[in-house]
C-alpha atoms as a PDB file:
ATOM      1  CA  MET A   1       6.718 -19.405   6.618  1.00  0.00           C
ATOM      2  CA  ASP A   2       6.112 -19.013   2.877  1.00  0.00           C
ATOM      3  CA  MET A   3       3.824 -16.371   1.383  1.00  0.00           C
ATOM      4  CA  ASP A   4       0.773 -18.614   1.001  1.00  0.00           C
ATOM      5  CA  SER A   5       1.175 -19.992   4.526  1.00  0.00           C
ATOM      6  CA  ALA A   6       1.373 -16.470   5.987  1.00  0.00           C
ATOM      7  CA  LEU A   7      -1.903 -15.454   4.370  1.00  0.00           C
ATOM      8  CA  GLU A   8      -3.538 -18.740   5.326  1.00  0.00           C
ATOM      9  CA  ALA A   9      -2.469 -18.231   8.961  1.00  0.00           C
ATOM     10  CA  LEU A  10      -3.989 -14.764   8.975  1.00  0.00           C
ATOM     11  CA  LEU A  11      -7.194 -15.978   7.340  1.00  0.00           C
ATOM     12  CA  SER A  12      -7.430 -18.829   9.855  1.00  0.00           C
ATOM     13  CA  VAL A  13      -7.672 -16.196  12.596  1.00  0.00           C
ATOM     14  CA  VAL A  14      -9.989 -13.652  10.928  1.00  0.00           C
ATOM     15  CA  GLY A  15     -11.420 -15.391   7.852  1.00  0.00           C
ATOM     16  CA  ASP A  16     -14.937 -15.499   9.298  1.00  0.00           C
ATOM     17  CA  ASP A  17     -14.643 -11.806  10.209  1.00  0.00           C
ATOM     18  CA  LEU A  18     -13.603 -11.005   6.634  1.00  0.00           C
ATOM     19  CA  ARG A  19     -16.970 -12.232   5.398  1.00  0.00           C
ATOM     20  CA  LEU A  20     -18.577  -9.500   7.490  1.00  0.00           C
ATOM     21  CA  VAL A  21     -16.224  -6.990   5.864  1.00  0.00           C
ATOM     22  CA  ASN A  22     -17.164  -8.149   2.378  1.00  0.00           C
ATOM     23  CA  ASP A  23     -20.878  -7.934   3.236  1.00  0.00           C
ATOM     24  CA  ALA A  24     -20.408  -4.355   4.467  1.00  0.00           C
ATOM     25  CA  ILE A  25     -18.455  -3.443   1.331  1.00  0.00           C
ATOM     26  CA  VAL A  26     -21.122  -4.817  -1.004  1.00  0.00           C
ATOM     27  CA  ALA A  27     -23.923  -3.081   0.915  1.00  0.00           C
ATOM     28  CA  ARG A  28     -22.213   0.321   0.975  1.00  0.00           C
ATOM     29  CA  MET A  29     -20.970   0.082  -2.597  1.00  0.00           C
ATOM     30  CA  ASN A  30     -24.562  -0.084  -3.765  1.00  0.00           C
ATOM     31  CA  SER A  31     -26.167   2.966  -5.379  1.00  0.00           C
ATOM     32  CA  SER A  32     -29.147   3.745  -7.554  1.00  0.00           C
ATOM     33  CA  VAL A  33     -26.633   5.246 -10.004  1.00  0.00           C
ATOM     34  CA  ALA A  34     -25.695   2.028 -11.813  1.00  0.00           C
ATOM     35  CA  LEU A  35     -22.212   3.127 -12.879  1.00  0.00           C
ATOM     36  CA  ILE A  36     -21.061   3.505  -9.261  1.00  0.00           C
ATOM     37  CA  PRO A  37     -21.294  -0.152  -8.135  1.00  0.00           C
ATOM     38  CA  GLN A  38     -20.215  -1.286 -11.598  1.00  0.00           C
ATOM     39  CA  LEU A  39     -17.020   0.772 -11.598  1.00  0.00           C
ATOM     40  CA  ALA A  40     -16.214   0.356  -7.893  1.00  0.00           C
ATOM     41  CA  GLY A  41     -16.905  -3.370  -8.049  1.00  0.00           C
ATOM     42  CA  HIS A  42     -14.504  -3.752 -10.975  1.00  0.00           C
ATOM     43  CA  LEU A  43     -11.619  -2.763  -8.698  1.00  0.00           C
ATOM     44  CA  ILE A  44     -12.854  -4.064  -5.339  1.00  0.00           C
ATOM     45  CA  THR A  45     -13.449  -7.565  -6.739  1.00  0.00           C
ATOM     46  CA  ALA A  46     -10.339  -7.622  -8.942  1.00  0.00           C
ATOM     47  CA  GLY A  47      -8.326 -10.027  -6.816  1.00  0.00           C
ATOM     48  CA  GLY A  48      -6.886  -7.807  -4.103  1.00  0.00           C
ATOM     49  CA  LYS A  49      -5.929  -9.670  -0.938  1.00  0.00           C
ATOM     50  CA  ARG A  50      -7.719  -7.240   1.403  1.00  0.00           C
ATOM     51  CA  LEU A  51      -4.465  -6.892   3.336  1.00  0.00           C
ATOM     52  CA  ARG A  52      -5.321  -3.621   5.085  1.00  0.00           C
ATOM     53  CA  PRO A  53      -8.768  -4.769   6.286  1.00  0.00           C
ATOM     54  CA  LEU A  54      -7.195  -8.022   7.455  1.00  0.00           C
ATOM     55  CA  LEU A  55      -4.756  -5.990   9.553  1.00  0.00           C
ATOM     56  CA  THR A  56      -7.655  -4.166  11.223  1.00  0.00           C
ATOM     57  CA  LEU A  57      -9.388  -7.438  12.048  1.00  0.00           C
ATOM     58  CA  ALA A  58      -6.233  -9.129  13.337  1.00  0.00           C
ATOM     59  CA  ALA A  59      -5.250  -6.116  15.455  1.00  0.00           C
ATOM     60  CA  ALA A  60      -8.666  -6.154  17.139  1.00  0.00           C
ATOM     61  CA  ARG A  61      -8.382  -9.898  17.755  1.00  0.00           C
ATOM     62  CA  MET A  62      -4.875  -9.567  19.176  1.00  0.00           C
ATOM     63  CA  CYS A  63      -6.192  -6.927  21.596  1.00  0.00           C
ATOM     64  CA  GLY A  64      -8.829  -9.350  22.846  1.00  0.00           C
ATOM     65  CA  LEU A  65     -11.980  -8.311  20.959  1.00  0.00           C
ATOM     66  CA  GLU A  66     -14.079 -11.350  20.071  1.00  0.00           C
ATOM     67  CA  ASP A  67     -17.103  -9.588  18.550  1.00  0.00           C
ATOM     68  CA  ALA A  68     -16.059  -8.754  14.984  1.00  0.00           C
ATOM     69  CA  ALA A  69     -19.006  -6.500  14.065  1.00  0.00           C
ATOM     70  CA  ARG A  70     -17.324  -3.176  14.861  1.00  0.00           C
ATOM     71  CA  PRO A  71     -13.835  -3.935  13.486  1.00  0.00           C
ATOM     72  CA  ALA A  72     -15.457  -5.384  10.349  1.00  0.00           C
ATOM     73  CA  ARG A  73     -17.175  -2.063   9.644  1.00  0.00           C
ATOM     74  CA  LEU A  74     -13.925  -0.195  10.264  1.00  0.00           C
ATOM     75  CA  ALA A  75     -12.065  -2.653   8.030  1.00  0.00           C
ATOM     76  CA  ALA A  76     -14.594  -1.963   5.253  1.00  0.00           C
ATOM     77  CA  CYS A  77     -13.985   1.749   5.795  1.00  0.00           C
ATOM     78  CA  VAL A  78     -10.236   1.188   5.401  1.00  0.00           C
ATOM     79  CA  GLU A  79     -10.812  -0.747   2.176  1.00  0.00           C
ATOM     80  CA  PHE A  80     -12.982   2.051   0.761  1.00  0.00           C
ATOM     81  CA  ILE A  81     -10.260   4.610   1.514  1.00  0.00           C
ATOM     82  CA  HIS A  82      -7.683   2.357  -0.151  1.00  0.00           C
ATOM     83  CA  THR A  83      -9.859   1.746  -3.222  1.00  0.00           C
ATOM     84  CA  ALA A  84     -10.645   5.447  -3.607  1.00  0.00           C
ATOM     85  CA  THR A  85      -6.942   6.287  -3.576  1.00  0.00           C
ATOM     86  CA  LEU A  86      -6.256   3.590  -6.207  1.00  0.00           C
ATOM     87  CA  LEU A  87      -8.929   5.031  -8.488  1.00  0.00           C
ATOM     88  CA  HIS A  88      -7.419   8.504  -8.160  1.00  0.00           C
ATOM     89  CA  ASP A  89      -3.843   7.153  -8.485  1.00  0.00           C
ATOM     90  CA  ASP A  90      -4.583   5.469 -11.791  1.00  0.00           C
ATOM     91  CA  VAL A  91      -5.980   8.710 -13.194  1.00  0.00           C
ATOM     92  CA  VAL A  92      -2.959  10.728 -12.042  1.00  0.00           C
ATOM     93  CA  ASP A  93      -0.520   8.087 -13.307  1.00  0.00           C
ATOM     94  CA  GLU A  94      -2.508   7.474 -16.513  1.00  0.00           C
ATOM     95  CA  SER A  95      -2.342   3.755 -15.708  1.00  0.00           C
ATOM     96  CA  MET A  96      -4.119   1.424 -18.091  1.00  0.00           C
ATOM     97  CA  LEU A  97      -3.751  -1.713 -15.937  1.00  0.00           C
ATOM     98  CA  ARG A  98      -4.530  -2.515 -12.310  1.00  0.00           C
ATOM     99  CA  ARG A  99      -3.968  -6.002 -10.836  1.00  0.00           C
ATOM    100  CA  GLY A 100      -3.486  -7.387 -14.337  1.00  0.00           C
ATOM    101  CA  LEU A 101      -6.824  -6.063 -15.627  1.00  0.00           C
ATOM    102  CA  GLU A 102      -7.792  -2.907 -17.456  1.00  0.00           C
ATOM    103  CA  SER A 103      -7.961  -0.054 -14.964  1.00  0.00           C
ATOM    104  CA  ALA A 104     -11.255   1.677 -14.235  1.00  0.00           C
ATOM    105  CA  ASN A 105     -10.105   4.832 -16.002  1.00  0.00           C
ATOM    106  CA  ALA A 106      -9.152   2.797 -19.079  1.00  0.00           C
ATOM    107  CA  LEU A 107     -12.671   1.345 -19.188  1.00  0.00           C
ATOM    108  CA  TRP A 108     -14.851   4.234 -18.047  1.00  0.00           C
ATOM    109  CA  GLY A 109     -12.626   7.301 -18.352  1.00  0.00           C
ATOM    110  CA  ASN A 110     -10.949   9.655 -15.925  1.00  0.00           C
ATOM    111  CA  LYS A 111     -14.024  11.642 -14.936  1.00  0.00           C
ATOM    112  CA  ALA A 112     -16.012   8.601 -13.829  1.00  0.00           C
ATOM    113  CA  SER A 113     -13.037   7.169 -11.929  1.00  0.00           C
ATOM    114  CA  VAL A 114     -12.427  10.386  -9.991  1.00  0.00           C
ATOM    115  CA  LEU A 115     -16.103  10.797  -9.119  1.00  0.00           C
ATOM    116  CA  VAL A 116     -16.558   7.185  -7.985  1.00  0.00           C
ATOM    117  CA  GLY A 117     -13.403   7.562  -5.915  1.00  0.00           C
ATOM    118  CA  ASP A 118     -15.047  10.574  -4.283  1.00  0.00           C
ATOM    119  CA  PHE A 119     -18.170   8.464  -3.642  1.00  0.00           C
ATOM    120  CA  LEU A 120     -16.088   5.823  -1.867  1.00  0.00           C
ATOM    121  CA  PHE A 121     -14.396   8.465   0.270  1.00  0.00           C
ATOM    122  CA  ALA A 122     -17.856   9.728   1.248  1.00  0.00           C
ATOM    123  CA  ARG A 123     -18.960   6.196   2.131  1.00  0.00           C
ATOM    124  CA  SER A 124     -15.843   5.775   4.280  1.00  0.00           C
ATOM    125  CA  PHE A 125     -16.777   8.916   6.223  1.00  0.00           C
ATOM    126  CA  GLU A 126     -20.258   7.460   6.788  1.00  0.00           C
ATOM    127  CA  PHE A 127     -18.652   4.399   8.382  1.00  0.00           C
ATOM    128  CA  MET A 128     -16.565   6.643  10.638  1.00  0.00           C
ATOM    129  CA  VAL A 129     -19.526   8.747  11.762  1.00  0.00           C
ATOM    130  CA  GLU A 130     -21.642   5.663  12.463  1.00  0.00           C
ATOM    131  CA  ASP A 131     -18.834   4.213  14.561  1.00  0.00           C
ATOM    132  CA  GLY A 132     -19.042   7.358  16.669  1.00  0.00           C
ATOM    133  CA  SER A 133     -15.562   7.295  18.187  1.00  0.00           C
ATOM    134  CA  LEU A 134     -13.676  10.568  17.870  1.00  0.00           C
ATOM    135  CA  LYS A 135     -10.445   8.578  18.186  1.00  0.00           C
ATOM    136  CA  VAL A 136     -11.352   6.458  15.179  1.00  0.00           C
ATOM    137  CA  ILE A 137     -12.509   9.462  13.166  1.00  0.00           C
ATOM    138  CA  ARG A 138      -9.286  11.295  13.990  1.00  0.00           C
ATOM    139  CA  SER A 139      -7.101   8.330  13.004  1.00  0.00           C
ATOM    140  CA  LEU A 140      -8.795   7.623   9.688  1.00  0.00           C
ATOM    141  CA  CYS A 141      -9.321  11.261   8.683  1.00  0.00           C
ATOM    142  CA  ASN A 142      -5.678  12.000   9.466  1.00  0.00           C
ATOM    143  CA  ALA A 143      -4.580   9.034   7.368  1.00  0.00           C
ATOM    144  CA  THR A 144      -6.769  10.196   4.475  1.00  0.00           C
ATOM    145  CA  SER A 145      -5.298  13.706   4.489  1.00  0.00           C
ATOM    146  CA  VAL A 146      -1.743  12.371   4.830  1.00  0.00           C
ATOM    147  CA  ILE A 147      -2.295  10.063   1.833  1.00  0.00           C
ATOM    148  CA  ALA A 148      -3.423  13.051  -0.230  1.00  0.00           C
ATOM    149  CA  GLU A 149      -0.341  14.993   0.875  1.00  0.00           C
ATOM    150  CA  GLY A 150       1.821  12.042  -0.160  1.00  0.00           C
ATOM    151  CA  GLU A 151       0.212  11.963  -3.590  1.00  0.00           C
ATOM    152  CA  VAL A 152       0.912  15.669  -4.085  1.00  0.00           C
ATOM    153  CA  LEU A 153       4.484  15.270  -2.836  1.00  0.00           C
ATOM    154  CA  GLN A 154       5.032  12.408  -5.271  1.00  0.00           C
ATOM    155  CA  LEU A 155       3.674  14.597  -8.049  1.00  0.00           C
ATOM    156  CA  MET A 156       6.148  17.325  -7.085  1.00  0.00           C
ATOM    157  CA  THR A 157       9.089  14.889  -7.134  1.00  0.00           C
ATOM    158  CA  ALA A 158       8.068  13.068 -10.323  1.00  0.00           C
ATOM    159  CA  ASN A 159      10.871  13.023 -12.908  1.00  0.00           C
ATOM    160  CA  ASP A 160      13.084  15.009 -10.498  1.00  0.00           C
ATOM    161  CA  THR A 161      16.394  13.193 -10.218  1.00  0.00           C
ATOM    162  CA  THR A 162      17.524  15.570  -7.457  1.00  0.00           C
ATOM    163  CA  THR A 163      14.950  13.962  -5.139  1.00  0.00           C
ATOM    164  CA  THR A 164      16.625  13.029  -1.846  1.00  0.00           C
ATOM    165  CA  GLU A 165      16.202   9.838   0.108  1.00  0.00           C
ATOM    166  CA  ASP A 166      14.462  11.809   2.871  1.00  0.00           C
ATOM    167  CA  GLN A 167      11.920  13.168   0.370  1.00  0.00           C
ATOM    168  CA  TYR A 168      11.350   9.696  -1.029  1.00  0.00           C
ATOM    169  CA  MET A 169      10.808   8.231   2.443  1.00  0.00           C
ATOM    170  CA  GLU A 170       8.307  10.983   3.223  1.00  0.00           C
ATOM    171  CA  VAL A 171       6.359  10.052   0.094  1.00  0.00           C
ATOM    172  CA  ILE A 172       6.105   6.368   0.987  1.00  0.00           C
ATOM    173  CA  ARG A 173       5.324   7.052   4.647  1.00  0.00           C
ATOM    174  CA  SER A 174       2.449   9.253   3.524  1.00  0.00           C
ATOM    175  CA  LYS A 175       1.240   7.543   0.366  1.00  0.00           C
ATOM    176  CA  THR A 176       1.411   3.921   1.526  1.00  0.00           C
ATOM    177  CA  ALA A 177       2.381   3.415   5.150  1.00  0.00           C
ATOM    178  CA  ALA A 178      -0.083   5.878   6.697  1.00  0.00           C
ATOM    179  CA  LEU A 179      -3.070   3.685   5.823  1.00  0.00           C
ATOM    180  CA  PHE A 180      -1.317   0.522   7.060  1.00  0.00           C
ATOM    181  CA  ALA A 181      -0.697   2.332  10.357  1.00  0.00           C
ATOM    182  CA  ALA A 182      -4.266   3.607  10.675  1.00  0.00           C
ATOM    183  CA  ALA A 183      -5.717   0.198   9.758  1.00  0.00           C
ATOM    184  CA  CYS A 184      -3.857  -1.376  12.667  1.00  0.00           C
ATOM    185  CA  GLU A 185      -4.473   1.502  15.070  1.00  0.00           C
ATOM    186  CA  VAL A 186      -8.259   1.501  14.644  1.00  0.00           C
ATOM    187  CA  GLY A 187      -8.308  -2.242  15.311  1.00  0.00           C
ATOM    188  CA  ALA A 188      -6.812  -1.522  18.722  1.00  0.00           C
ATOM    189  CA  GLN A 189      -9.236   1.372  19.226  1.00  0.00           C
ATOM    190  CA  ALA A 190     -12.218  -0.851  18.405  1.00  0.00           C
ATOM    191  CA  ALA A 191     -11.014  -3.281  21.074  1.00  0.00           C
ATOM    192  CA  GLY A 192     -10.687  -0.527  23.676  1.00  0.00           C
ATOM    193  CA  ALA A 193      -6.980  -1.309  24.039  1.00  0.00           C
ATOM    194  CA  PRO A 194      -4.735   0.936  26.150  1.00  0.00           C
ATOM    195  CA  GLU A 195      -3.001   3.797  24.366  1.00  0.00           C
ATOM    196  CA  ALA A 196       0.355   2.002  24.581  1.00  0.00           C
ATOM    197  CA  HIS A 197      -1.107  -0.828  22.501  1.00  0.00           C
ATOM    198  CA  GLU A 198      -2.662   1.635  20.041  1.00  0.00           C
ATOM    199  CA  LYS A 199       0.762   3.241  19.597  1.00  0.00           C
ATOM    200  CA  ALA A 200       2.482  -0.138  19.221  1.00  0.00           C
ATOM    201  CA  LEU A 201       0.057  -1.205  16.506  1.00  0.00           C
ATOM    202  CA  TYR A 202       0.384   2.151  14.753  1.00  0.00           C
ATOM    203  CA  ASP A 203       4.171   1.666  14.737  1.00  0.00           C
ATOM    204  CA  TYR A 204       3.783  -1.906  13.503  1.00  0.00           C
ATOM    205  CA  GLY A 205       1.579  -0.760  10.615  1.00  0.00           C
ATOM    206  CA  MET A 206       3.811   2.181   9.709  1.00  0.00           C
ATOM    207  CA  ASN A 207       6.955   0.038   9.529  1.00  0.00           C
ATOM    208  CA  LEU A 208       5.135  -2.765   7.729  1.00  0.00           C
ATOM    209  CA  GLY A 209       3.810  -0.283   5.161  1.00  0.00           C
ATOM    210  CA  ILE A 210       7.258   1.160   4.531  1.00  0.00           C
ATOM    211  CA  ALA A 211       8.688  -2.342   4.075  1.00  0.00           C
ATOM    212  CA  PHE A 212       5.808  -3.207   1.728  1.00  0.00           C
ATOM    213  CA  GLN A 213       6.450  -0.166  -0.489  1.00  0.00           C
ATOM    214  CA  LEU A 214      10.222  -0.677  -0.546  1.00  0.00           C
ATOM    215  CA  VAL A 215       9.645  -4.211  -1.831  1.00  0.00           C
ATOM    216  CA  ASP A 216       7.197  -2.865  -4.435  1.00  0.00           C
ATOM    217  CA  ASP A 217       9.854  -0.404  -5.616  1.00  0.00           C
ATOM    218  CA  TYR A 218      12.394  -3.235  -5.822  1.00  0.00           C
ATOM    219  CA  LEU A 219       9.963  -5.463  -7.711  1.00  0.00           C
ATOM    220  CA  ASP A 220       9.456  -2.912 -10.462  1.00  0.00           C
ATOM    221  CA  TYR A 221      12.989  -3.703 -11.642  1.00  0.00           C
ATOM    222  CA  SER A 222      12.903  -7.433 -10.887  1.00  0.00           C
ATOM    223  CA  ALA A 223      12.085 -10.477 -12.996  1.00  0.00           C
ATOM    224  CA  ARG A 224       9.955 -11.534 -10.035  1.00  0.00           C
ATOM    225  CA  GLN A 225       7.499  -8.835 -11.103  1.00  0.00           C
ATOM    226  CA  ALA A 226       6.718 -10.741 -14.289  1.00  0.00           C
ATOM    227  CA  GLU A 227       6.105 -13.915 -12.256  1.00  0.00           C
ATOM    228  CA  LEU A 228       3.530 -11.975 -10.225  1.00  0.00           C
ATOM    229  CA  GLY A 229       1.716 -11.032 -13.447  1.00  0.00           C
ATOM    230  CA  LYS A 230       2.842  -7.411 -13.489  1.00  0.00           C
ATOM    231  CA  THR A 231       4.847  -5.388 -15.977  1.00  0.00           C
ATOM    232  CA  VAL A 232       8.535  -4.858 -15.238  1.00  0.00           C
ATOM    233  CA  GLY A 233       9.751  -1.280 -15.451  1.00  0.00           C
ATOM    234  CA  ASP A 234       6.524   0.720 -15.068  1.00  0.00           C
ATOM    235  CA  ASP A 235       8.178   3.093 -12.572  1.00  0.00           C
ATOM    236  CA  PHE A 236      11.108   3.564 -14.946  1.00  0.00           C
ATOM    237  CA  MET A 237       8.853   4.309 -17.915  1.00  0.00           C
ATOM    238  CA  ASP A 238       6.846   6.789 -15.817  1.00  0.00           C
ATOM    239  CA  GLY A 239       9.985   8.506 -14.532  1.00  0.00           C
ATOM    240  CA  LYS A 240       9.253   7.718 -10.880  1.00  0.00           C
ATOM    241  CA  ILE A 241      12.173   8.361  -8.556  1.00  0.00           C
ATOM    242  CA  THR A 242      12.407   5.451  -6.137  1.00  0.00           C
ATOM    243  CA  LEU A 243      15.130   4.232  -3.793  1.00  0.00           C
ATOM    244  CA  PRO A 244      16.984   2.020  -6.309  1.00  0.00           C
ATOM    245  CA  VAL A 245      17.388   5.108  -8.527  1.00  0.00           C
ATOM    246  CA  ILE A 246      18.267   7.499  -5.703  1.00  0.00           C
ATOM    247  CA  LEU A 247      21.053   5.195  -4.519  1.00  0.00           C
ATOM    248  CA  VAL A 248      22.550   5.133  -8.035  1.00  0.00           C
ATOM    249  CA  PHE A 249      22.678   8.944  -7.979  1.00  0.00           C
ATOM    250  CA  GLU A 250      24.624   8.711  -4.721  1.00  0.00           C
ATOM    251  CA  ARG A 251      27.169   6.221  -6.130  1.00  0.00           C
ATOM    252  CA  GLY A 252      27.165   6.266  -9.911  1.00  0.00           C
ATOM    253  CA  THR A 253      29.488   7.856 -12.430  1.00  0.00           C
ATOM    254  CA  ASP A 254      28.646  11.112 -14.181  1.00  0.00           C
ATOM    255  CA  GLU A 255      27.930   9.170 -17.365  1.00  0.00           C
ATOM    256  CA  GLU A 256      25.519   6.804 -15.565  1.00  0.00           C
ATOM    257  CA  LYS A 257      23.718   9.712 -13.918  1.00  0.00           C
ATOM    258  CA  ALA A 258      23.416  11.513 -17.256  1.00  0.00           C
ATOM    259  CA  PHE A 259      21.861   8.381 -18.758  1.00  0.00           C
ATOM    260  CA  LEU A 260      19.280   8.161 -15.961  1.00  0.00           C
ATOM    261  CA  ARG A 261      18.514  11.872 -16.189  1.00  0.00           C
ATOM    262  CA  ARG A 262      17.828  11.472 -19.901  1.00  0.00           C
ATOM    263  CA  CYS A 263      15.465   8.553 -19.283  1.00  0.00           C
ATOM    264  CA  LEU A 264      13.718   9.644 -16.084  1.00  0.00           C
ATOM    265  CA  GLU A 265      13.850  13.415 -16.091  1.00  0.00           C
ATOM    266  CA  ASP A 266      13.801  14.263 -19.786  1.00  0.00           C
ATOM    267  CA  GLN A 267      11.769  11.145 -20.700  1.00  0.00           C
ATOM    268  CA  GLU A 268      13.924  10.708 -23.799  1.00  0.00           C
ATOM    269  CA  MET A 269      14.351   6.984 -24.407  1.00  0.00           C
ATOM    270  CA  GLU A 270      16.059   5.815 -27.563  1.00  0.00           C
ATOM    271  CA  ASP A 271      14.945   2.213 -27.019  1.00  0.00           C
ATOM    272  CA  PRO A 272      12.771   1.792 -23.887  1.00  0.00           C
ATOM    273  CA  LYS A 273      13.529  -1.918 -23.434  1.00  0.00           C
ATOM    274  CA  ALA A 274      17.262  -1.440 -23.929  1.00  0.00           C
ATOM    275  CA  ASP A 275      17.287   1.611 -21.668  1.00  0.00           C
ATOM    276  CA  LEU A 276      15.462  -0.306 -18.939  1.00  0.00           C
ATOM    277  CA  ALA A 277      17.916  -3.193 -19.258  1.00  0.00           C
ATOM    278  CA  ARG A 278      20.838  -0.787 -18.940  1.00  0.00           C
ATOM    279  CA  ALA A 279      19.274   0.878 -15.893  1.00  0.00           C
ATOM    280  CA  ILE A 280      18.892  -2.525 -14.220  1.00  0.00           C
ATOM    281  CA  GLN A 281      22.537  -3.322 -15.026  1.00  0.00           C
ATOM    282  CA  ILE A 282      23.633  -0.075 -13.363  1.00  0.00           C
ATOM    283  CA  MET A 283      21.521  -0.875 -10.298  1.00  0.00           C
ATOM    284  CA  ALA A 284      23.079  -4.334 -10.161  1.00  0.00           C
ATOM    285  CA  LYS A 285      26.543  -2.805 -10.350  1.00  0.00           C
ATOM    286  CA  TYR A 286      25.908  -0.819  -7.160  1.00  0.00           C
ATOM    287  CA  ASP A 287      23.537  -3.413  -5.626  1.00  0.00           C
ATOM    288  CA  THR A 288      20.878  -0.752  -5.125  1.00  0.00           C
ATOM    289  CA  LEU A 289      18.112  -3.306  -5.602  1.00  0.00           C
ATOM    290  CA  GLY A 290      19.626  -5.602  -2.985  1.00  0.00           C
ATOM    291  CA  GLU A 291      20.026  -2.684  -0.619  1.00  0.00           C
ATOM    292  CA  THR A 292      16.385  -1.707  -1.119  1.00  0.00           C
ATOM    293  CA  VAL A 293      15.340  -5.178   0.054  1.00  0.00           C
ATOM    294  CA  THR A 294      17.781  -4.939   2.973  1.00  0.00           C
ATOM    295  CA  ARG A 295      16.147  -1.671   4.029  1.00  0.00           C
ATOM    296  CA  ALA A 296      12.762  -3.391   3.788  1.00  0.00           C
ATOM    297  CA  ARG A 297      14.015  -6.120   6.127  1.00  0.00           C
ATOM    298  CA  ASP A 298      15.183  -3.455   8.587  1.00  0.00           C
ATOM    299  CA  TYR A 299      11.705  -1.925   8.673  1.00  0.00           C
ATOM    300  CA  GLY A 300      10.247  -5.414   8.961  1.00  0.00           C
ATOM    301  CA  ALA A 301      12.377  -5.951  12.073  1.00  0.00           C
ATOM    302  CA  ARG A 302      11.007  -2.710  13.514  1.00  0.00           C
ATOM    303  CA  ALA A 303       7.470  -3.903  12.840  1.00  0.00           C
ATOM    304  CA  ARG A 304       8.214  -7.172  14.619  1.00  0.00           C
ATOM    305  CA  ALA A 305       9.691  -5.319  17.600  1.00  0.00           C
ATOM    306  CA  ALA A 306       6.537  -3.198  17.867  1.00  0.00           C
ATOM    307  CA  LEU A 307       4.549  -6.352  18.693  1.00  0.00           C
ATOM    308  CA  SER A 308       6.907  -7.484  21.446  1.00  0.00           C
ATOM    309  CA  SER A 309       4.694  -6.119  24.226  1.00  0.00           C
ATOM    310  CA  PHE A 310       1.740  -8.312  23.217  1.00  0.00           C
ATOM    311  CA  PRO A 311       1.352 -11.829  24.618  1.00  0.00           C
ATOM    312  CA  ALA A 312       1.732 -14.685  22.171  1.00  0.00           C
ATOM    313  CA  ASN A 313      -1.553 -15.632  20.535  1.00  0.00           C
ATOM    314  CA  PRO A 314      -2.649 -16.737  17.048  1.00  0.00           C
ATOM    315  CA  ALA A 315      -3.422 -13.178  15.900  1.00  0.00           C
ATOM    316  CA  ARG A 316       0.014 -11.928  16.978  1.00  0.00           C
ATOM    317  CA  ASP A 317       1.696 -14.870  15.243  1.00  0.00           C
ATOM    318  CA  ALA A 318      -0.296 -14.122  12.081  1.00  0.00           C
ATOM    319  CA  LEU A 319       0.692 -10.437  12.134  1.00  0.00           C
ATOM    320  CA  ILE A 320       4.340 -11.423  12.496  1.00  0.00           C
ATOM    321  CA  GLY A 321       3.950 -13.813   9.578  1.00  0.00           C
ATOM    322  CA  ILE A 322       2.570 -10.991   7.415  1.00  0.00           C
ATOM    323  CA  ILE A 323       5.856  -9.118   7.865  1.00  0.00           C
ATOM    324  CA  ASP A 324       7.653 -12.011   6.191  1.00  0.00           C
ATOM    325  CA  TYR A 325       4.907 -12.223   3.556  1.00  0.00           C
ATOM    326  CA  CYS A 326       5.356  -8.564   2.588  1.00  0.00           C
ATOM    327  CA  ILE A 327       9.128  -8.879   2.297  1.00  0.00           C
ATOM    328  CA  ASP A 328       9.334 -12.349   0.764  1.00  0.00           C
ATOM    329  CA  ARG A 329       7.449 -11.145  -2.303  1.00  0.00           C
ATOM    330  CA  ALA A 330      10.956 -10.158  -3.423  1.00  0.00           C
ATOM    331  CA  HIS A 331      11.961 -13.820  -3.797  1.00  0.00           C
END
């Protein structure tokens, strides 16, 4: 299944439900303070695929829930958490672009972006309280705090070329995969599924999220990134320590490591384009980019295995297809 077909299969199962999600998002994004819907809407309507809300909807469907009203509200909550973290991320990273457009902080400044992110977090908590389930509140609040911990951990490891693979994996589990896991878990909770199914969907989301982030970290050094309309080498220019870099530090020569330390740790680049090209050559020499994709496939296999206890149905097939979608972005 190609990437477009995987998304189409998922939308064929929950596309009508997604309209309810979008209605809830628009309603809760509204505010008498005009800047709030203007700034939030800039990001929420900027072409994101709503992957995390779609996971919530599909998980609920796979667990047998036909009425989409409750999972749609929870899916909107998940999207607000995700959007709030993106607004804060772009401020921390000083990013000027998001999804090919000027970022909110580039247009309205850091203060407005942080405060609107806070507003969206508050709206997400309103969704949780209205849902009324302590299980749901626990899952989504835990994910929110874990994401924040991941952001701080990434800040602590930024430009630190002594970062270990274990530290890196902890960052991506927290910063990215935790929300994937919670999005799937609350879908099962909305359906009243048994705890074994909640756990299975949590595991599916966690492994899918890890695979997703590994592919993102690969793409930053890939020509495929340009085809997707994104800039190649942003992580390198920002000094982010990701798996392709960590693997070079495990295998490279002293001279190669010194070069990467100069670029990533000291942020001293003689010619940024030439330095990036050399870094990619070193990664190719040790196949660290290929190995990053291989690791993503391993986590994708774990995600697939997590769904093995569910009977075959269109929602399960669509969730399996999304594993391939997340990984095949590398090709």
